[in-house]
Amino acid sequence: MVEEVEREEFTSKRGFIMSCIGSAVGMGNIWRFPIMVCIWGGLTFLIPYFIFVVLIASTGVISEFALGRSARSGPVGAFGKCTEVGIGKRRIGEIVGIIPVLGSLAMAIGYTCVMAWVLKYTYMAFSGDLVGLGEELGPIVGMFDSTASAWGANIWVILTAVVTLVIMSLGVAGGIERANKFMLPILYALFIGLGIYIFTLPGSELGYEYIFTLNPEGLLNPLVWVFAFGQAFFSLSVAGNGSVVYGSYLSKKESIPSSARYVALFDTIGAMMAAMVIIPAMAAAGGQLDTAGPGLMFIYLVEVFNGMAGGQIIGAIFFLCVTFAGLTSLINLYEAPISYVQERFRRSRATSSLVVIVLGCAVGLCIQAIVSQWMDAVSIYVCPLGALLAAIMFFWIAGRDYVLESVNEGAHRPIGRWFFPTGKYVYCALAIVALVAGALLGGIG
């Protein structure tokens, strides 16, 4: 049984919102979102994407924040509270709650490896080593293959773990909140600067034209809607773990629906800024716009930057942006297992962080050659399952009275009657779709 401990809190609503935005604005927004926009037709993809962002933010994001805050606990304690309220058996919920915690840890381990690549490329961009690879794909591909191989980035995996450990050991207010308040404004400012520069490049207008092109017939393609939903679902970081934990640190005086709106808004802005930088940059360089996965960032964009005037500076700024985006997501992923160790074993923040991150680093060192497969498996199965379990616990097990009381606490006005049935039926159905479609289509997040 998870014991209740004195709960840290974010010092302000702004700190909470920025931390949640940081968890959502990750590398998926930077290398995955632009690719989805390209593959599925610019505005043809964006219209269903925006619809799903609104729907998921107004149900799933709100429910996970409220679930964590109502129990003042991460997934294990929160699920336990739901089954205690609903069926009088806390232990069942606590056992089920371990699933999203393990999912968060598994995702954090894979993310640690990817962040190691990012740190290495950021260093190489500033040192000029990336420019030294030239404009030919051969050396660039060779660099990435050696980095993403077994034991290929050991020192960078360890460095990523050390940086994350320092942030996490400082606590919610001193570590997570402060880090996000520092990194997020810089991230957005750098992206704006990159966007302005890319706008001046000849040929970039083709990228903007593509982004805002609407093909009405494309909206009739079910796959456009499936992939738009998948991107929105995972972009908003609803997986039954990180958002639940962050919600548990939110003051009961703050409005959860208001916070969810801000998170959805700035997450979408972050994704759009990435698209407005990457797609026009690729267009200006005549690059392939349908290149997905790690190759986009670590191979093809490097080729693009190396062929630009001032490419070293642009590349360095870009990878610095990715570093900040990745770190803000990584600390969110580690928070659920660290919080669990604190609650379950009554250990200090520093000790819990050390145990979890050392474990993550050790496994990360061993899986470097299979990171892509590892991340696919977790994102396809474990994360959607965690989101579905959180929705079932909150809406179906805890029940209407508990849900409305949890959501409305601190709100300026009660949430509408639409919320409970929409969350119980529509959002739960969407979570099932994410799980099934992800498995059938090979991952849609």
Protein backbone atom coordinates (compact mmCIF):
# COMPACT_ATOMS: atom_id res chain seq x y z
CA MET A 1 0.00 0.00 0.00
CA VAL A 2 1.26 3.47 -0.89
CA GLU A 3 1.53 5.66 2.18
CA GLU A 4 0.59 9.31 2.04
CA VAL A 5 3.54 11.66 2.37
CA GLU A 6 3.79 15.39 2.62
CA ARG A 7 3.34 16.57 -0.96
CA GLU A 8 5.48 19.17 -2.66
CA GLU A 9 3.69 21.74 -4.79
CA PHE A 10 4.46 23.98 -7.71
CA THR A 11 4.92 27.49 -6.40
CA SER A 12 2.57 29.02 -8.96
CA LYS A 13 0.05 28.20 -11.65
CA ARG A 14 2.55 29.56 -14.19
CA GLY A 15 5.20 27.14 -12.98
CA PHE A 16 2.76 24.23 -13.22
CA ILE A 17 1.63 25.19 -16.71
CA MET A 18 5.19 25.66 -17.98
CA SER A 19 6.22 22.29 -16.55
CA CYS A 20 3.27 20.59 -18.23
CA ILE A 21 4.00 22.36 -21.51
CA GLY A 22 7.61 21.25 -21.18
CA SER A 23 6.52 17.64 -20.74
CA ALA A 24 4.34 17.84 -23.86
CA VAL A 25 6.69 19.82 -26.13
CA GLY A 26 9.23 17.12 -26.78
CA MET A 27 11.11 15.71 -29.70
CA GLY A 28 7.92 14.13 -31.02
CA ASN A 29 6.72 17.66 -31.75
CA ILE A 30 9.98 18.52 -33.46
CA TRP A 31 10.62 15.51 -35.68
CA ARG A 32 7.24 13.76 -35.78
CA PHE A 33 4.70 16.58 -36.10
CA PRO A 34 6.32 18.21 -39.18
CA ILE A 35 6.48 14.82 -40.87
CA MET A 36 2.78 14.17 -40.22
CA VAL A 37 1.98 17.58 -41.70
CA CYS A 38 4.01 16.72 -44.80
CA ILE A 39 2.81 13.17 -45.34
CA TRP A 40 -0.88 13.89 -44.81
CA GLY A 41 -1.19 17.16 -46.66
CA GLY A 42 -0.57 20.34 -44.67
CA LEU A 43 -3.83 21.94 -43.62
CA THR A 44 -5.63 18.72 -44.55
CA PHE A 45 -3.87 17.16 -41.57
CA LEU A 46 -3.96 20.23 -39.32
CA ILE A 47 -7.75 20.59 -39.31
CA PRO A 48 -8.48 17.16 -37.75
CA TYR A 49 -5.39 17.56 -35.55
CA PHE A 50 -6.72 20.79 -34.05
CA ILE A 51 -10.14 19.20 -33.51
CA PHE A 52 -8.61 16.29 -31.60
CA VAL A 53 -6.37 18.60 -29.55
CA VAL A 54 -9.45 20.46 -28.32
CA LEU A 55 -11.33 17.23 -27.56
CA ILE A 56 -8.46 15.49 -25.75
CA ALA A 57 -7.40 18.60 -23.83
CA SER A 58 -10.96 19.19 -22.61
CA THR A 59 -11.32 15.60 -21.37
CA GLY A 60 -8.10 13.58 -21.02
CA VAL A 61 -5.74 16.33 -19.90
CA ILE A 62 -8.27 17.71 -17.40
CA SER A 63 -9.05 14.25 -16.04
CA GLU A 64 -5.41 13.27 -15.50
CA PHE A 65 -4.60 16.54 -13.74
CA ALA A 66 -7.68 16.15 -11.53
CA LEU A 67 -6.97 12.47 -10.86
CA GLY A 68 -3.52 13.25 -9.51
CA ARG A 69 -4.53 16.31 -7.50
CA SER A 70 -7.55 14.63 -5.88
CA ALA A 71 -5.37 11.82 -4.51
CA ARG A 72 -2.23 13.96 -3.96
CA SER A 73 -0.35 11.05 -5.47
CA GLY A 74 1.06 9.55 -8.65
CA PRO A 75 -0.68 6.78 -10.62
CA VAL A 76 -0.41 4.08 -7.95
CA GLY A 77 -1.96 6.17 -5.17
CA ALA A 78 -4.42 7.86 -7.53
CA PHE A 79 -5.71 4.60 -8.98
CA GLY A 80 -5.93 3.22 -5.43
CA LYS A 81 -8.05 6.19 -4.37
CA CYS A 82 -10.42 5.59 -7.29
CA THR A 83 -11.00 1.92 -6.46
CA GLU A 84 -11.33 2.79 -2.78
CA VAL A 85 -14.06 5.33 -3.61
CA GLY A 86 -15.74 3.16 -6.23
CA ILE A 87 -15.60 -0.39 -4.89
CA GLY A 88 -14.02 -0.04 -1.46
CA LYS A 89 -10.82 -1.89 -2.40
CA ARG A 90 -7.76 0.33 -2.63
CA ARG A 91 -5.23 -2.42 -3.26
CA ILE A 92 -6.66 -3.32 -6.68
CA GLY A 93 -6.13 0.20 -7.97
CA GLU A 94 -2.61 0.39 -6.57
CA ILE A 95 -1.62 -2.80 -8.39
CA VAL A 96 -3.08 -1.54 -11.69
CA GLY A 97 -1.38 1.82 -11.17
CA ILE A 98 2.04 0.20 -11.44
CA ILE A 99 1.46 -0.27 -15.20
CA PRO A 100 1.67 3.43 -16.17
CA VAL A 101 4.59 3.90 -13.76
CA LEU A 102 6.54 1.16 -15.52
CA GLY A 103 5.49 2.61 -18.86
CA SER A 104 6.84 6.00 -17.86
CA LEU A 105 10.13 4.45 -16.75
CA ALA A 106 10.44 2.48 -19.99
CA MET A 107 9.81 5.59 -22.06
CA ALA A 108 12.30 7.56 -19.93
CA ILE A 109 14.98 4.93 -20.56
CA GLY A 110 14.54 5.14 -24.33
CA TYR A 111 14.35 8.93 -24.17
CA THR A 112 17.62 8.99 -22.23
CA CYS A 113 19.35 7.38 -25.20
CA VAL A 114 17.79 9.76 -27.71
CA MET A 115 18.74 12.72 -25.52
CA ALA A 116 22.29 11.39 -25.48
CA TRP A 117 22.31 11.66 -29.28
CA VAL A 118 20.93 15.19 -29.06
CA LEU A 119 23.58 16.29 -26.55
CA LYS A 120 26.32 14.84 -28.73
CA TYR A 121 25.00 16.60 -31.83
CA THR A 122 24.56 19.86 -29.93
CA TYR A 123 28.20 19.71 -28.86
CA MET A 124 29.30 18.86 -32.40
CA ALA A 125 27.19 21.70 -33.82
CA PHE A 126 28.81 24.28 -31.54
CA SER A 127 32.31 22.86 -32.05
CA GLY A 128 31.94 22.82 -35.83
CA ASP A 129 32.34 19.04 -36.11
CA LEU A 130 28.96 18.67 -37.82
CA VAL A 131 29.96 21.16 -40.49
CA GLY A 132 33.16 19.16 -40.90
CA LEU A 133 31.05 16.23 -42.13
CA GLY A 134 30.27 18.23 -45.27
CA GLU A 135 27.13 18.19 -47.39
CA GLU A 136 27.39 14.57 -48.53
CA LEU A 137 25.03 12.07 -46.92
CA GLY A 138 27.64 9.33 -46.57
CA PRO A 139 29.68 10.82 -43.70
CA ILE A 140 26.52 12.15 -42.04
CA VAL A 141 24.85 8.73 -42.14
CA GLY A 142 28.03 7.14 -40.86
CA MET A 143 28.13 9.51 -37.89
CA PHE A 144 24.54 8.71 -36.95
CA ASP A 145 25.02 4.95 -37.39
CA SER A 146 28.05 4.99 -35.10
CA THR A 147 26.19 7.09 -32.53
CA ALA A 148 23.02 4.97 -32.51
CA SER A 149 24.86 1.65 -32.31
CA ALA A 150 25.52 -0.67 -29.39
CA TRP A 151 27.60 1.25 -26.82
CA GLY A 152 27.88 4.06 -29.36
CA ALA A 153 27.09 7.03 -27.11
CA ASN A 154 28.06 5.82 -23.64
CA ILE A 155 29.51 9.05 -22.31
CA TRP A 156 26.53 11.02 -23.58
CA VAL A 157 24.02 8.62 -22.01
CA ILE A 158 25.81 9.04 -18.69
CA LEU A 159 25.93 12.83 -19.10
CA THR A 160 22.19 12.91 -19.84
CA ALA A 161 21.54 10.88 -16.71
CA VAL A 162 23.71 13.18 -14.58
CA VAL A 163 21.98 16.35 -15.83
CA THR A 164 18.56 14.79 -15.24
CA LEU A 165 19.58 13.59 -11.78
CA VAL A 166 20.67 17.07 -10.75
CA ILE A 167 17.35 18.60 -11.86
CA MET A 168 15.21 15.88 -10.29
CA SER A 169 17.11 15.86 -6.98
CA LEU A 170 16.34 19.55 -6.48
CA GLY A 171 12.64 18.75 -6.17
CA VAL A 172 9.44 19.99 -7.75
CA ALA A 173 9.84 23.71 -7.18
CA GLY A 174 13.64 23.92 -7.08
CA GLY A 175 14.28 21.46 -9.92
CA ILE A 176 11.40 20.73 -12.29
CA GLU A 177 9.64 24.09 -12.07
CA ARG A 178 12.81 26.17 -12.15
CA ALA A 179 14.27 24.18 -15.07
CA ASN A 180 11.12 24.63 -17.15
CA LYS A 181 10.88 28.34 -16.34
CA PHE A 182 14.44 28.71 -17.61
CA MET A 183 14.42 26.41 -20.64
CA LEU A 184 10.96 26.95 -22.14
CA PRO A 185 11.19 30.71 -22.79
CA ILE A 186 14.59 30.18 -24.40
CA LEU A 187 13.20 27.31 -26.49
CA TYR A 188 10.35 29.43 -27.86
CA ALA A 189 12.58 32.47 -28.41
CA LEU A 190 15.15 30.41 -30.32
CA PHE A 191 12.47 28.84 -32.49
CA ILE A 192 11.05 32.27 -33.30
CA GLY A 193 14.52 33.47 -34.28
CA LEU A 194 15.08 30.39 -36.45
CA GLY A 195 11.68 30.88 -38.05
CA ILE A 196 12.48 34.48 -38.98
CA TYR A 197 15.79 33.44 -40.54
CA ILE A 198 14.27 30.53 -42.48
CA PHE A 199 11.62 32.92 -43.81
CA THR A 200 14.34 34.90 -45.61
CA LEU A 201 15.71 31.87 -47.49
CA PRO A 202 14.87 31.52 -51.19
CA GLY A 203 12.52 28.60 -51.74
CA SER A 204 11.18 28.58 -48.18
CA GLU A 205 7.86 29.91 -49.45
CA LEU A 206 7.17 26.48 -50.91
CA GLY A 207 7.20 25.07 -47.40
CA TYR A 208 4.72 27.62 -46.09
CA GLU A 209 2.52 27.05 -49.11
CA TYR A 210 2.48 23.34 -48.40
CA ILE A 211 1.68 23.78 -44.71
CA PHE A 212 -1.40 25.85 -45.46
CA THR A 213 -2.68 23.87 -48.46
CA LEU A 214 -6.08 22.22 -48.01
CA ASN A 215 -7.18 19.23 -50.05
CA PRO A 216 -10.92 18.74 -49.31
CA GLU A 217 -10.81 15.20 -50.69
CA GLY A 218 -8.05 14.35 -48.24
CA LEU A 219 -10.41 15.01 -45.35
CA LEU A 220 -12.43 12.01 -46.54
CA ASN A 221 -9.46 9.70 -45.97
CA PRO A 222 -9.98 7.90 -42.61
CA LEU A 223 -6.21 7.48 -42.17
CA VAL A 224 -5.76 11.26 -42.05
CA TRP A 225 -8.07 11.37 -39.04
CA VAL A 226 -6.48 8.33 -37.40
CA PHE A 227 -2.97 9.71 -37.65
CA ALA A 228 -4.10 13.22 -36.63
CA PHE A 229 -5.73 11.74 -33.55
CA GLY A 230 -2.65 9.69 -32.73
CA GLN A 231 -0.38 12.72 -32.96
CA ALA A 232 -2.70 14.84 -30.80
CA PHE A 233 -3.12 12.08 -28.23
CA PHE A 234 0.58 11.53 -27.66
CA SER A 235 1.60 15.16 -28.13
CA LEU A 236 -0.56 16.20 -25.18
CA SER A 237 1.25 13.65 -22.99
CA VAL A 238 -1.78 11.76 -21.72
CA ALA A 239 -0.53 8.34 -20.67
CA GLY A 240 -1.77 7.93 -17.11
CA ASN A 241 1.59 8.86 -15.59
CA GLY A 242 3.34 12.24 -16.00
CA SER A 243 0.20 14.39 -16.12
CA VAL A 244 -1.20 12.55 -13.11
CA VAL A 245 1.96 13.17 -11.10
CA TYR A 246 2.20 16.83 -12.09
CA GLY A 247 -1.46 17.24 -11.17
CA SER A 248 -0.68 15.90 -7.70
CA TYR A 249 1.70 18.84 -7.19
CA LEU A 250 -0.90 21.46 -8.20
CA SER A 251 -2.45 23.62 -5.50
CA LYS A 252 -6.15 22.97 -4.88
CA LYS A 253 -6.74 26.69 -5.31
CA GLU A 254 -5.90 26.54 -9.02
CA SER A 255 -8.35 25.88 -11.85
CA ILE A 256 -7.60 22.66 -13.69
CA PRO A 257 -9.69 23.38 -16.83
CA SER A 258 -7.92 26.71 -17.22
CA SER A 259 -4.51 25.06 -16.85
CA ALA A 260 -5.41 22.38 -19.40
CA ARG A 261 -6.35 25.03 -21.96
CA TYR A 262 -2.99 26.77 -21.60
CA VAL A 263 -1.09 23.48 -21.90
CA ALA A 264 -2.95 22.52 -25.08
CA LEU A 265 -2.51 25.99 -26.58
CA PHE A 266 1.23 26.28 -26.04
CA ASP A 267 1.90 22.65 -26.93
CA THR A 268 0.18 23.30 -30.27
CA ILE A 269 2.12 26.54 -30.74
CA GLY A 270 5.36 24.66 -30.08
CA ALA A 271 4.49 22.01 -32.65
CA MET A 272 3.54 24.61 -35.23
CA MET A 273 6.76 26.57 -34.66
CA ALA A 274 8.75 23.40 -35.27
CA ALA A 275 6.83 22.79 -38.48
CA MET A 276 7.31 26.41 -39.57
CA VAL A 277 11.09 26.00 -39.14
CA ILE A 278 11.70 22.48 -40.42
CA ILE A 279 9.37 22.24 -43.43
CA PRO A 280 10.41 25.58 -45.04
CA ALA A 281 14.07 24.78 -44.28
CA MET A 282 13.78 21.42 -46.03
CA ALA A 283 11.93 23.07 -48.92
CA ALA A 284 14.60 25.78 -49.26
CA ALA A 285 17.27 23.09 -49.48
CA GLY A 286 15.27 20.84 -51.81
CA GLY A 287 15.17 18.13 -49.15
CA GLN A 288 12.79 15.19 -48.86
CA LEU A 289 9.79 16.28 -46.80
CA ASP A 290 8.49 12.78 -46.15
CA THR A 291 11.51 11.51 -44.21
CA ALA A 292 10.36 10.30 -40.80
CA GLY A 293 12.00 9.08 -37.63
CA PRO A 294 15.49 9.83 -36.31
CA GLY A 295 16.84 10.25 -39.83
CA LEU A 296 15.05 13.58 -40.24
CA MET A 297 16.83 15.27 -37.36
CA PHE A 298 20.18 13.53 -37.27
CA ILE A 299 20.80 12.99 -40.98
CA TYR A 300 18.71 15.08 -43.39
CA LEU A 301 18.49 18.27 -41.35
CA VAL A 302 22.24 18.11 -40.75
CA GLU A 303 22.67 17.95 -44.53
CA VAL A 304 20.35 20.95 -44.91
CA PHE A 305 22.20 23.03 -42.31
CA ASN A 306 25.59 22.17 -43.77
CA GLY A 307 24.43 23.45 -47.15
CA MET A 308 23.23 26.81 -45.77
CA ALA A 309 25.10 30.06 -45.36
CA GLY A 310 25.71 30.33 -41.63
CA GLY A 311 24.69 26.69 -41.28
CA GLN A 312 26.86 26.08 -38.22
CA ILE A 313 25.07 28.79 -36.24
CA ILE A 314 21.63 27.67 -37.41
CA GLY A 315 22.40 24.04 -36.64
CA ALA A 316 23.75 24.90 -33.21
CA ILE A 317 20.66 26.93 -32.32
CA PHE A 318 18.37 24.18 -33.62
CA PHE A 319 20.01 21.41 -31.59
CA LEU A 320 20.03 23.65 -28.53
CA CYS A 321 16.26 23.97 -28.98
CA VAL A 322 15.96 20.20 -29.21
CA THR A 323 18.08 19.82 -26.07
CA PHE A 324 15.74 22.02 -24.06
CA ALA A 325 12.63 20.35 -25.49
CA GLY A 326 14.02 16.90 -24.78
CA LEU A 327 15.13 17.63 -21.23
CA THR A 328 11.78 19.12 -20.23
CA SER A 329 10.08 15.94 -21.47
CA LEU A 330 12.63 13.61 -19.91
CA ILE A 331 12.24 15.01 -16.41
CA ASN A 332 8.48 14.50 -16.71
CA LEU A 333 8.95 10.87 -17.72
CA TYR A 334 11.24 10.15 -14.77
CA GLU A 335 8.92 11.88 -12.31
CA ALA A 336 6.30 9.09 -12.09
CA PRO A 337 8.75 6.32 -11.05
CA ILE A 338 10.68 8.68 -8.77
CA SER A 339 7.46 9.76 -7.08
CA TYR A 340 6.47 6.11 -6.64
CA VAL A 341 9.77 5.21 -4.96
CA GLN A 342 9.35 8.20 -2.63
CA GLU A 343 5.84 7.19 -1.64
CA ARG A 344 6.27 3.43 -1.50
CA PHE A 345 9.64 3.17 0.21
CA ARG A 346 9.58 6.46 2.17
CA ARG A 347 12.90 7.61 0.73
CA SER A 348 14.15 11.15 0.20
CA ARG A 349 13.80 12.93 -3.10
CA ALA A 350 17.53 12.73 -3.77
CA THR A 351 17.77 9.02 -2.96
CA SER A 352 14.71 8.14 -5.03
CA SER A 353 16.04 10.12 -7.99
CA LEU A 354 19.44 8.45 -7.70
CA VAL A 355 17.99 4.92 -7.64
CA VAL A 356 15.61 5.43 -10.55
CA ILE A 357 17.95 7.38 -12.83
CA VAL A 358 20.92 5.07 -12.24
CA LEU A 359 18.64 2.18 -13.20
CA GLY A 360 17.48 4.10 -16.27
CA CYS A 361 21.05 4.91 -17.26
CA ALA A 362 22.22 1.30 -16.84
CA VAL A 363 19.41 -0.08 -19.02
CA GLY A 364 19.84 2.77 -21.49
CA LEU A 365 23.50 1.90 -22.00
CA CYS A 366 22.49 -1.66 -22.88
CA ILE A 367 19.68 -0.89 -25.37
CA GLN A 368 21.41 1.71 -27.55
CA ALA A 369 21.26 -0.51 -30.64
CA ILE A 370 17.49 -1.09 -30.33
CA VAL A 371 16.24 2.30 -29.14
CA SER A 372 13.82 2.78 -32.04
CA GLN A 373 12.19 -0.61 -31.48
CA TRP A 374 12.10 0.00 -27.72
CA MET A 375 10.38 3.38 -28.12
CA ASP A 376 7.92 1.99 -30.67
CA ALA A 377 6.86 -0.84 -28.35
CA VAL A 378 6.34 1.49 -25.40
CA SER A 379 4.49 4.19 -27.36
CA ILE A 380 2.28 1.69 -29.20
CA TYR A 381 1.21 -0.42 -26.24
CA VAL A 382 2.16 0.78 -22.78
CA CYS A 383 1.39 4.52 -23.00
CA PRO A 384 -2.09 4.19 -24.58
CA LEU A 385 -2.89 1.44 -22.08
CA GLY A 386 -1.89 3.73 -19.22
CA ALA A 387 -4.14 6.50 -20.54
CA LEU A 388 -7.05 4.09 -20.94
CA LEU A 389 -6.59 2.71 -17.42
CA ALA A 390 -6.50 6.24 -15.97
CA ALA A 391 -9.72 7.12 -17.80
CA ILE A 392 -11.46 3.94 -16.63
CA MET A 393 -10.37 4.48 -13.04
CA PHE A 394 -11.49 8.10 -12.98
CA PHE A 395 -14.70 8.06 -15.00
CA TRP A 396 -15.98 4.50 -14.61
CA ILE A 397 -14.72 3.37 -11.18
CA ALA A 398 -14.61 6.54 -9.05
CA GLY A 399 -17.88 7.81 -10.50
CA ARG A 400 -19.61 11.04 -11.40
CA ASP A 401 -19.64 12.75 -7.98
CA TYR A 402 -15.93 12.15 -7.39
CA VAL A 403 -15.03 13.30 -10.90
CA LEU A 404 -16.98 16.56 -10.76
CA GLU A 405 -15.77 17.40 -7.26
CA SER A 406 -12.14 16.78 -8.29
CA VAL A 407 -12.37 18.80 -11.51
CA ASN A 408 -14.31 21.74 -10.07
CA GLU A 409 -12.11 22.27 -7.03
CA GLY A 410 -10.39 25.63 -7.48
CA ALA A 411 -12.31 26.40 -10.68
CA HIS A 412 -13.87 29.84 -11.07
CA ARG A 413 -17.08 28.26 -12.26
CA PRO A 414 -18.26 24.62 -12.39
CA ILE A 415 -17.44 22.67 -15.52
CA GLY A 416 -20.38 22.02 -17.86
CA ARG A 417 -22.62 18.96 -17.74
CA TRP A 418 -21.02 17.79 -20.96
CA PHE A 419 -17.73 16.90 -19.26
CA PHE A 420 -18.59 13.66 -17.49
CA PRO A 421 -20.42 11.84 -20.33
CA THR A 422 -17.87 13.10 -22.86
CA GLY A 423 -14.99 11.86 -20.74
CA LYS A 424 -16.65 8.59 -19.82
CA TYR A 425 -17.74 7.57 -23.29
CA VAL A 426 -16.00 9.64 -25.97
CA TYR A 427 -12.54 9.98 -24.42
CA CYS A 428 -12.43 6.36 -23.26
CA ALA A 429 -13.42 5.27 -26.76
CA LEU A 430 -10.62 7.43 -28.20
CA ALA A 431 -8.11 5.85 -25.83
CA ILE A 432 -9.18 2.41 -27.05
CA VAL A 433 -8.79 3.62 -30.65
CA ALA A 434 -5.25 4.84 -29.84
CA LEU A 435 -4.31 1.45 -28.44
CA VAL A 436 -5.86 -0.61 -31.24
CA ALA A 437 -4.84 1.68 -34.11
CA GLY A 438 -1.31 1.98 -32.78
CA ALA A 439 -0.96 -1.80 -32.72
CA LEU A 440 -2.49 -2.24 -36.19
CA LEU A 441 -0.64 0.60 -37.89
CA GLY A 442 2.73 0.21 -36.19
CA GLY A 443 2.58 3.30 -33.99
CA ILE A 444 0.80 6.56 -34.62
CA GLY A 445 2.21 8.83 -31.93
